[in-house]
């Protein structure tokens, strides 16, 4: 295996196991439209995100934490 094959393999594995979701994936995961997530992001009401280049990415743990903080009907809440 040459070096470029190894790099490509490593990149493919990292992409498959990345804990980061795109904005489109995040919206789907949360059951929101992309425009709703975008509006929430611009108003500072959505999950924490990062901008890499020109794209926003969301960490799955932060998405879940944001969602869990909005639970209703929990007797301890």
N, C-alpha and C. Protein backbone atom coordinates (compact mmCIF):
# COMPACT_ATOMS: atom_id res chain seq x y z
N UNK A 1 0.86 -1.18 0.00
CA UNK A 1 0.00 0.00 0.00
C UNK A 1 0.90 1.23 0.00
N UNK A 2 0.62 2.16 -0.92
CA UNK A 2 1.43 3.37 -0.94
C UNK A 2 0.83 4.43 0.00
N UNK A 3 1.58 5.51 0.18
CA UNK A 3 1.20 6.53 1.15
C UNK A 3 -0.14 7.19 0.81
N UNK A 4 -0.42 7.46 -0.46
CA UNK A 4 -1.68 8.11 -0.83
C UNK A 4 -2.87 7.18 -0.59
N UNK A 5 -2.69 5.86 -0.80
CA UNK A 5 -3.76 4.91 -0.50
C UNK A 5 -4.06 4.90 0.99
N UNK A 6 -3.00 4.93 1.81
CA UNK A 6 -3.17 4.94 3.26
C UNK A 6 -3.90 6.21 3.70
N UNK A 7 -3.53 7.34 3.14
CA UNK A 7 -4.18 8.60 3.48
C UNK A 7 -5.65 8.57 3.09
N UNK A 8 -5.94 8.06 1.91
CA UNK A 8 -7.33 7.97 1.45
C UNK A 8 -8.15 7.05 2.35
N UNK A 9 -7.57 5.94 2.75
CA UNK A 9 -8.25 5.00 3.63
C UNK A 9 -8.52 5.64 4.98
N UNK A 10 -7.52 6.31 5.53
CA UNK A 10 -7.69 6.99 6.82
C UNK A 10 -8.77 8.07 6.74
N UNK A 11 -8.78 8.83 5.66
CA UNK A 11 -9.78 9.89 5.48
C UNK A 11 -11.18 9.29 5.37
N UNK A 12 -11.32 8.21 4.65
CA UNK A 12 -12.62 7.56 4.49
C UNK A 12 -13.13 7.03 5.83
N UNK A 13 -12.26 6.41 6.60
CA UNK A 13 -12.65 5.90 7.92
C UNK A 13 -13.05 7.04 8.86
N UNK A 14 -12.29 8.12 8.84
CA UNK A 14 -12.61 9.27 9.70
C UNK A 14 -13.96 9.85 9.33
N UNK A 15 -14.25 9.94 8.06
CA UNK A 15 -15.52 10.50 7.63
C UNK A 15 -16.68 9.61 8.06
N UNK A 16 -16.50 8.31 7.99
CA UNK A 16 -17.56 7.38 8.36
C UNK A 16 -17.82 7.39 9.86
N UNK A 17 -16.82 7.69 10.65
CA UNK A 17 -16.98 7.61 12.10
C UNK A 17 -16.96 8.98 12.78
N UNK A 18 -17.07 10.04 12.02
CA UNK A 18 -17.01 11.37 12.59
C UNK A 18 -18.22 11.66 13.48
N UNK A 19 -18.00 12.29 14.63
CA UNK A 19 -19.12 12.66 15.49
C UNK A 19 -19.79 13.96 15.04
N UNK A 20 -19.32 14.55 13.95
CA UNK A 20 -19.87 15.80 13.46
C UNK A 20 -20.89 15.55 12.36
N UNK A 21 -21.99 16.30 12.43
CA UNK A 21 -23.03 16.24 11.41
C UNK A 21 -23.07 17.57 10.67
N UNK A 22 -23.41 17.52 9.41
CA UNK A 22 -23.62 18.75 8.65
C UNK A 22 -24.92 19.39 9.13
N UNK A 23 -25.17 20.62 8.70
CA UNK A 23 -26.42 21.29 9.07
C UNK A 23 -27.62 20.50 8.54
N UNK A 24 -27.52 19.97 7.34
CA UNK A 24 -28.62 19.20 6.75
C UNK A 24 -28.87 17.92 7.56
N UNK A 25 -27.81 17.23 7.94
CA UNK A 25 -27.95 16.02 8.75
C UNK A 25 -28.51 16.35 10.13
N UNK A 26 -28.06 17.46 10.70
CA UNK A 26 -28.53 17.88 12.02
C UNK A 26 -30.02 18.20 11.99
N UNK A 27 -30.45 18.93 10.97
CA UNK A 27 -31.87 19.26 10.83
C UNK A 27 -32.70 17.98 10.74
N UNK A 28 -32.26 17.04 9.94
CA UNK A 28 -32.97 15.76 9.81
C UNK A 28 -33.01 15.03 11.15
N UNK A 29 -31.87 14.97 11.83
CA UNK A 29 -31.75 14.28 13.11
C UNK A 29 -32.74 14.86 14.13
N UNK A 30 -32.92 16.19 14.11
CA UNK A 30 -33.80 16.86 15.05
C UNK A 30 -35.25 16.95 14.57
N UNK A 31 -35.50 16.55 13.34
CA UNK A 31 -36.86 16.64 12.80
C UNK A 31 -37.25 18.05 12.43
N UNK A 32 -36.27 18.86 12.06
CA UNK A 32 -36.50 20.25 11.69
C UNK A 32 -36.21 20.45 10.20
N UNK A 33 -36.74 21.51 9.65
CA UNK A 33 -36.34 21.86 8.29
C UNK A 33 -34.98 22.56 8.36
N UNK A 34 -34.28 22.55 7.27
CA UNK A 34 -32.99 23.23 7.21
C UNK A 34 -33.13 24.72 7.49
N UNK A 35 -34.20 25.31 6.98
CA UNK A 35 -34.39 26.75 7.18
C UNK A 35 -34.71 27.07 8.65
N UNK A 36 -35.42 26.18 9.32
CA UNK A 36 -35.69 26.38 10.75
C UNK A 36 -34.39 26.33 11.55
N UNK A 37 -33.55 25.33 11.27
CA UNK A 37 -32.27 25.24 11.96
C UNK A 37 -31.41 26.46 11.67
N UNK A 38 -31.40 26.91 10.44
CA UNK A 38 -30.62 28.10 10.06
C UNK A 38 -31.12 29.33 10.84
N UNK A 39 -32.43 29.49 10.92
CA UNK A 39 -32.99 30.62 11.66
C UNK A 39 -32.64 30.55 13.14
N UNK A 40 -32.72 29.35 13.71
CA UNK A 40 -32.36 29.18 15.12
C UNK A 40 -30.89 29.50 15.34
N UNK A 41 -30.05 29.08 14.40
CA UNK A 41 -28.61 29.35 14.51
C UNK A 41 -28.36 30.85 14.46
N UNK A 42 -29.01 31.54 13.54
CA UNK A 42 -28.76 32.99 13.40
C UNK A 42 -29.29 33.78 14.60
N UNK A 43 -30.29 33.23 15.28
CA UNK A 43 -30.84 33.89 16.47
C UNK A 43 -30.17 33.42 17.76
N UNK A 44 -29.23 32.48 17.66
CA UNK A 44 -28.54 31.97 18.83
C UNK A 44 -29.39 31.03 19.67
N UNK A 45 -30.41 30.41 19.07
CA UNK A 45 -31.31 29.53 19.82
C UNK A 45 -31.06 28.05 19.54
N UNK A 46 -30.24 27.73 18.58
CA UNK A 46 -30.02 26.34 18.19
C UNK A 46 -28.86 25.71 18.92
N UNK A 47 -28.58 24.46 18.56
CA UNK A 47 -27.44 23.77 19.17
C UNK A 47 -26.12 24.47 18.82
N UNK A 48 -25.13 24.26 19.66
CA UNK A 48 -23.79 24.80 19.41
C UNK A 48 -23.29 24.23 18.09
N UNK A 49 -22.66 25.08 17.29
CA UNK A 49 -22.11 24.61 16.02
C UNK A 49 -20.75 25.24 15.79
N UNK A 50 -20.08 24.71 14.78
CA UNK A 50 -18.76 25.21 14.38
C UNK A 50 -18.79 25.49 12.90
N UNK A 51 -18.04 26.49 12.50
CA UNK A 51 -17.92 26.76 11.07
C UNK A 51 -16.54 26.33 10.61
N UNK A 52 -16.53 25.44 9.65
CA UNK A 52 -15.28 24.97 9.03
C UNK A 52 -15.37 25.37 7.57
N UNK A 53 -14.56 26.32 7.18
CA UNK A 53 -14.68 26.84 5.82
C UNK A 53 -15.96 27.63 5.73
N UNK A 54 -16.83 27.21 4.82
CA UNK A 54 -18.11 27.91 4.64
C UNK A 54 -19.29 27.06 5.11
N UNK A 55 -19.02 26.01 5.86
CA UNK A 55 -20.08 25.10 6.28
C UNK A 55 -20.14 25.00 7.80
N UNK A 56 -21.35 24.79 8.30
CA UNK A 56 -21.56 24.61 9.73
C UNK A 56 -21.61 23.12 10.06
N UNK A 57 -20.99 22.76 11.18
CA UNK A 57 -20.99 21.38 11.65
C UNK A 57 -21.41 21.35 13.11
N UNK A 58 -22.11 20.29 13.47
CA UNK A 58 -22.66 20.12 14.81
C UNK A 58 -22.14 18.81 15.38
N UNK A 59 -21.69 18.82 16.62
CA UNK A 59 -21.22 17.60 17.28
C UNK A 59 -22.43 16.89 17.86
N UNK A 60 -22.51 15.60 17.64
CA UNK A 60 -23.68 14.83 18.06
C UNK A 60 -23.95 14.94 19.56
N UNK A 61 -22.92 14.98 20.38
CA UNK A 61 -23.13 15.12 21.83
C UNK A 61 -23.76 16.46 22.17
N UNK A 62 -23.36 17.52 21.48
CA UNK A 62 -23.92 18.85 21.75
C UNK A 62 -25.34 18.96 21.23
N UNK A 63 -25.63 18.27 20.14
CA UNK A 63 -27.01 18.24 19.63
C UNK A 63 -27.91 17.58 20.68
N UNK A 64 -27.47 16.43 21.17
CA UNK A 64 -28.26 15.71 22.17
C UNK A 64 -28.41 16.52 23.46
N UNK A 65 -27.35 17.18 23.90
CA UNK A 65 -27.42 17.99 25.12
C UNK A 65 -28.41 19.14 24.94
N UNK A 66 -28.36 19.79 23.79
CA UNK A 66 -29.28 20.89 23.50
C UNK A 66 -30.72 20.38 23.50
N UNK A 67 -30.95 19.24 22.86
CA UNK A 67 -32.29 18.67 22.81
C UNK A 67 -32.78 18.25 24.19
N UNK A 68 -31.91 17.59 24.95
CA UNK A 68 -32.30 17.14 26.30
C UNK A 68 -32.63 18.30 27.23
N UNK A 69 -31.99 19.44 27.03
CA UNK A 69 -32.26 20.61 27.85
C UNK A 69 -33.66 21.18 27.59
N UNK A 70 -34.30 20.73 26.52
CA UNK A 70 -35.62 21.23 26.15
C UNK A 70 -36.74 20.22 26.40
N UNK A 71 -36.46 19.21 27.22
CA UNK A 71 -37.47 18.21 27.53
C UNK A 71 -38.64 18.85 28.28
N UNK A 72 -39.81 18.37 27.98
CA UNK A 72 -41.03 18.82 28.68
C UNK A 72 -41.67 17.62 29.35
N UNK A 73 -42.32 17.84 30.44
CA UNK A 73 -43.06 16.78 31.12
C UNK A 73 -42.23 15.95 32.07
N UNK A 74 -40.97 16.29 32.22
CA UNK A 74 -40.10 15.58 33.17
C UNK A 74 -40.42 16.10 34.57
N UNK A 75 -40.81 15.22 35.48
CA UNK A 75 -41.21 15.67 36.82
C UNK A 75 -40.07 16.38 37.56
N UNK A 76 -38.82 16.12 37.18
CA UNK A 76 -37.68 16.76 37.84
C UNK A 76 -37.29 18.07 37.16
N UNK A 77 -37.90 18.38 36.04
CA UNK A 77 -37.52 19.58 35.29
C UNK A 77 -38.17 20.82 35.87
